[in-house]
Amino acid sequence: MSKLKLNRLFRMQWEEAQQCHVLLYPEGMVQLNQPASEILKRCDGRFNQEELIADLEAAFNQQGIGGEITNFLQEANRLGWLE
C-alpha cells in the first residue's frame, strides 16, 4: 500500500485568526476540524493507510476509528488533497 502524502498544490498551516488548521491552495482555503487536521498532519509520506490508522488509534487511545479515517481519506483523495 502506498504512503499517504498531501498534494503539493496544498499546504496545511495553523491559522491564528481562525484558531484552527487550514488547507491552503491557489484558489482558496479550507478550514479543518481537529480530526481532519490530525489525519492530514500525518499525510507526509511516512504512513500508508493502515499505519496511519494505527498511529491515530495509539495517539488518541481510541480503537475502531478506522472506518471514519478511511472515509475521510477517500473524500480527501476525491478532492485532490492527496497525491
N, C-alpha and C. Protein backbone atom coordinates (compact mmCIF):
# COMPACT_ATOMS: atom_id res chain seq x y z
N MET A 1 0.85 -1.19 0.00
CA MET A 1 0.00 0.00 0.00
C MET A 1 0.90 1.24 0.00
N SER A 2 0.53 2.23 -0.77
CA SER A 2 1.37 3.42 -0.92
C SER A 2 1.27 4.34 0.30
N LYS A 3 2.32 5.12 0.45
CA LYS A 3 2.39 6.09 1.55
C LYS A 3 1.51 7.28 1.21
N LEU A 4 0.85 7.83 2.20
CA LEU A 4 -0.07 8.96 2.02
C LEU A 4 0.71 10.27 2.09
N LYS A 5 0.42 11.14 1.14
CA LYS A 5 1.12 12.41 1.09
C LYS A 5 0.18 13.50 0.58
N LEU A 6 0.26 14.66 1.21
CA LEU A 6 -0.54 15.81 0.80
C LEU A 6 -0.10 16.25 -0.59
N ASN A 7 -1.05 16.57 -1.43
CA ASN A 7 -0.76 17.07 -2.77
C ASN A 7 0.08 18.34 -2.66
N ARG A 8 1.06 18.46 -3.52
CA ARG A 8 1.97 19.62 -3.49
C ARG A 8 1.26 20.96 -3.71
N LEU A 9 0.08 20.93 -4.29
CA LEU A 9 -0.68 22.17 -4.52
C LEU A 9 -1.31 22.70 -3.24
N PHE A 10 -1.30 21.89 -2.18
CA PHE A 10 -1.93 22.26 -0.92
C PHE A 10 -0.88 22.40 0.17
N ARG A 11 -1.16 23.30 1.10
CA ARG A 11 -0.28 23.50 2.25
C ARG A 11 -1.16 23.63 3.48
N MET A 12 -0.84 22.88 4.51
CA MET A 12 -1.59 22.94 5.75
C MET A 12 -0.82 23.81 6.75
N GLN A 13 -1.54 24.69 7.43
CA GLN A 13 -0.90 25.52 8.44
C GLN A 13 -1.93 25.92 9.49
N TRP A 14 -1.39 26.33 10.66
CA TRP A 14 -2.25 26.86 11.72
C TRP A 14 -2.60 28.29 11.38
N GLU A 15 -3.86 28.63 11.45
CA GLU A 15 -4.33 29.98 11.16
C GLU A 15 -4.81 30.59 12.47
N GLU A 16 -4.01 31.48 13.00
CA GLU A 16 -4.30 32.08 14.30
C GLU A 16 -5.67 32.78 14.30
N ALA A 17 -5.96 33.51 13.25
CA ALA A 17 -7.22 34.25 13.19
C ALA A 17 -8.43 33.32 13.23
N GLN A 18 -8.29 32.13 12.64
CA GLN A 18 -9.39 31.15 12.61
C GLN A 18 -9.34 30.21 13.83
N GLN A 19 -8.20 30.19 14.52
CA GLN A 19 -7.97 29.26 15.63
C GLN A 19 -8.18 27.80 15.21
N CYS A 20 -7.66 27.50 14.01
CA CYS A 20 -7.73 26.13 13.51
C CYS A 20 -6.70 25.95 12.40
N HIS A 21 -6.46 24.70 12.04
CA HIS A 21 -5.62 24.43 10.89
C HIS A 21 -6.44 24.69 9.63
N VAL A 22 -5.75 25.14 8.60
CA VAL A 22 -6.39 25.35 7.31
C VAL A 22 -5.55 24.67 6.24
N LEU A 23 -6.21 24.37 5.16
CA LEU A 23 -5.56 23.81 3.98
C LEU A 23 -5.60 24.90 2.92
N LEU A 24 -4.43 25.41 2.57
CA LEU A 24 -4.33 26.49 1.58
C LEU A 24 -4.05 25.90 0.22
N TYR A 25 -4.64 26.50 -0.81
CA TYR A 25 -4.39 26.10 -2.18
C TYR A 25 -4.58 27.33 -3.05
N PRO A 26 -4.13 27.29 -4.31
CA PRO A 26 -4.15 28.51 -5.13
C PRO A 26 -5.51 29.21 -5.21
N GLU A 27 -6.60 28.47 -5.17
CA GLU A 27 -7.92 29.08 -5.32
C GLU A 27 -8.57 29.45 -4.01
N GLY A 28 -7.96 29.11 -2.88
CA GLY A 28 -8.61 29.44 -1.63
C GLY A 28 -8.07 28.73 -0.42
N MET A 29 -8.98 28.48 0.53
CA MET A 29 -8.61 27.93 1.82
C MET A 29 -9.77 27.07 2.34
N VAL A 30 -9.43 25.99 3.02
CA VAL A 30 -10.42 25.13 3.67
C VAL A 30 -10.10 25.09 5.15
N GLN A 31 -11.07 25.41 6.00
CA GLN A 31 -10.90 25.27 7.44
C GLN A 31 -11.03 23.79 7.79
N LEU A 32 -10.12 23.31 8.62
CA LEU A 32 -10.13 21.90 9.01
C LEU A 32 -10.55 21.75 10.47
N ASN A 33 -11.38 20.76 10.74
CA ASN A 33 -11.68 20.47 12.13
C ASN A 33 -10.52 19.66 12.72
N GLN A 34 -10.56 19.41 14.01
CA GLN A 34 -9.46 18.74 14.70
C GLN A 34 -9.17 17.35 14.13
N PRO A 35 -10.17 16.49 13.93
CA PRO A 35 -9.86 15.17 13.37
C PRO A 35 -9.22 15.25 11.97
N ALA A 36 -9.73 16.12 11.12
CA ALA A 36 -9.15 16.27 9.78
C ALA A 36 -7.71 16.75 9.87
N SER A 37 -7.45 17.67 10.78
CA SER A 37 -6.09 18.17 10.97
C SER A 37 -5.15 17.06 11.39
N GLU A 38 -5.58 16.25 12.35
CA GLU A 38 -4.73 15.16 12.84
C GLU A 38 -4.43 14.15 11.75
N ILE A 39 -5.41 13.87 10.92
CA ILE A 39 -5.20 12.93 9.81
C ILE A 39 -4.24 13.53 8.79
N LEU A 40 -4.51 14.75 8.35
CA LEU A 40 -3.69 15.35 7.30
C LEU A 40 -2.27 15.66 7.77
N LYS A 41 -2.08 15.94 9.06
CA LYS A 41 -0.72 16.15 9.58
C LYS A 41 0.15 14.93 9.33
N ARG A 42 -0.48 13.76 9.33
CA ARG A 42 0.25 12.51 9.17
C ARG A 42 0.40 12.10 7.70
N CYS A 43 -0.18 12.85 6.80
CA CYS A 43 -0.06 12.55 5.36
C CYS A 43 1.18 13.26 4.81
N ASP A 44 2.33 12.81 5.28
CA ASP A 44 3.59 13.43 4.91
C ASP A 44 4.57 12.42 4.30
N GLY A 45 4.02 11.29 3.85
CA GLY A 45 4.85 10.28 3.22
C GLY A 45 5.40 9.22 4.17
N ARG A 46 5.10 9.34 5.47
CA ARG A 46 5.60 8.35 6.44
C ARG A 46 4.72 7.11 6.53
N PHE A 47 3.41 7.28 6.36
CA PHE A 47 2.46 6.21 6.65
C PHE A 47 1.65 5.80 5.43
N ASN A 48 1.34 4.50 5.36
CA ASN A 48 0.27 4.09 4.45
C ASN A 48 -1.02 4.16 5.27
N GLN A 49 -2.14 3.81 4.67
CA GLN A 49 -3.42 3.97 5.35
C GLN A 49 -3.50 3.14 6.64
N GLU A 50 -3.09 1.90 6.59
CA GLU A 50 -3.16 1.04 7.78
C GLU A 50 -2.27 1.58 8.90
N GLU A 51 -1.08 2.04 8.55
CA GLU A 51 -0.16 2.61 9.55
C GLU A 51 -0.71 3.90 10.14
N LEU A 52 -1.33 4.71 9.31
CA LEU A 52 -1.91 5.97 9.78
C LEU A 52 -3.03 5.69 10.77
N ILE A 53 -3.88 4.74 10.45
CA ILE A 53 -4.97 4.38 11.37
C ILE A 53 -4.41 3.89 12.70
N ALA A 54 -3.41 3.02 12.65
CA ALA A 54 -2.79 2.50 13.87
C ALA A 54 -2.17 3.63 14.69
N ASP A 55 -1.51 4.57 14.02
CA ASP A 55 -0.88 5.69 14.72
C ASP A 55 -1.93 6.56 15.40
N LEU A 56 -3.02 6.86 14.73
CA LEU A 56 -4.07 7.68 15.33
C LEU A 56 -4.75 6.95 16.48
N GLU A 57 -5.01 5.66 16.31
CA GLU A 57 -5.63 4.90 17.40
C GLU A 57 -4.74 4.91 18.64
N ALA A 58 -3.43 4.77 18.43
CA ALA A 58 -2.50 4.80 19.56
C ALA A 58 -2.38 6.20 20.16
N ALA A 59 -2.28 7.21 19.31
CA ALA A 59 -2.11 8.58 19.79
C ALA A 59 -3.29 9.06 20.63
N PHE A 60 -4.48 8.62 20.28
CA PHE A 60 -5.68 9.10 20.97
C PHE A 60 -6.34 8.02 21.81
N ASN A 61 -5.64 6.87 21.97
CA ASN A 61 -6.16 5.76 22.76
C ASN A 61 -7.61 5.46 22.40
N GLN A 62 -7.85 5.34 21.10
CA GLN A 62 -9.20 5.15 20.56
C GLN A 62 -9.16 4.03 19.54
N GLN A 63 -9.90 2.98 19.77
CA GLN A 63 -9.95 1.86 18.84
C GLN A 63 -11.21 1.94 17.99
N GLY A 64 -11.17 1.31 16.81
CA GLY A 64 -12.36 1.23 15.98
C GLY A 64 -12.69 2.47 15.18
N ILE A 65 -11.69 3.32 14.94
CA ILE A 65 -11.95 4.55 14.17
C ILE A 65 -11.48 4.43 12.72
N GLY A 66 -11.05 3.24 12.34
CA GLY A 66 -10.52 3.03 11.00
C GLY A 66 -11.51 3.35 9.90
N GLY A 67 -12.77 3.02 10.09
CA GLY A 67 -13.78 3.30 9.07
C GLY A 67 -13.95 4.78 8.81
N GLU A 68 -13.98 5.56 9.88
CA GLU A 68 -14.12 7.01 9.73
C GLU A 68 -12.89 7.62 9.06
N ILE A 69 -11.72 7.12 9.42
CA ILE A 69 -10.48 7.62 8.81
C ILE A 69 -10.45 7.25 7.33
N THR A 70 -10.83 6.03 7.01
CA THR A 70 -10.87 5.58 5.62
C THR A 70 -11.82 6.45 4.81
N ASN A 71 -13.00 6.73 5.36
CA ASN A 71 -13.97 7.59 4.66
C ASN A 71 -13.39 8.97 4.41
N PHE A 72 -12.72 9.54 5.42
CA PHE A 72 -12.11 10.86 5.26
C PHE A 72 -11.04 10.82 4.17
N LEU A 73 -10.19 9.81 4.20
CA LEU A 73 -9.12 9.71 3.20
C LEU A 73 -9.67 9.56 1.79
N GLN A 74 -10.76 8.82 1.65
CA GLN A 74 -11.39 8.68 0.33
C GLN A 74 -11.90 10.04 -0.16
N GLU A 75 -12.50 10.80 0.73
CA GLU A 75 -13.01 12.12 0.36
C GLU A 75 -11.85 13.08 0.07
N ALA A 76 -10.81 13.04 0.89
CA ALA A 76 -9.64 13.89 0.65
C ALA A 76 -9.00 13.55 -0.69
N ASN A 77 -8.95 12.29 -1.01
CA ASN A 77 -8.41 11.87 -2.30
C ASN A 77 -9.29 12.37 -3.45
N ARG A 78 -10.61 12.24 -3.29
CA ARG A 78 -11.55 12.70 -4.31
C ARG A 78 -11.41 14.20 -4.56
N LEU A 79 -11.13 14.96 -3.49
CA LEU A 79 -10.99 16.40 -3.59
C LEU A 79 -9.61 16.81 -4.10
N GLY A 80 -8.73 15.83 -4.28
CA GLY A 80 -7.39 16.13 -4.79
C GLY A 80 -6.39 16.58 -3.74
N TRP A 81 -6.73 16.40 -2.47
CA TRP A 81 -5.84 16.83 -1.40
C TRP A 81 -4.62 15.92 -1.27
N LEU A 82 -4.75 14.67 -1.72
CA LEU A 82 -3.67 13.69 -1.58
C LEU A 82 -3.07 13.34 -2.93
N GLU A 83 -1.78 13.01 -2.91
CA GLU A 83 -1.12 12.57 -4.15
C GLU A 83 -1.36 11.10 -4.36
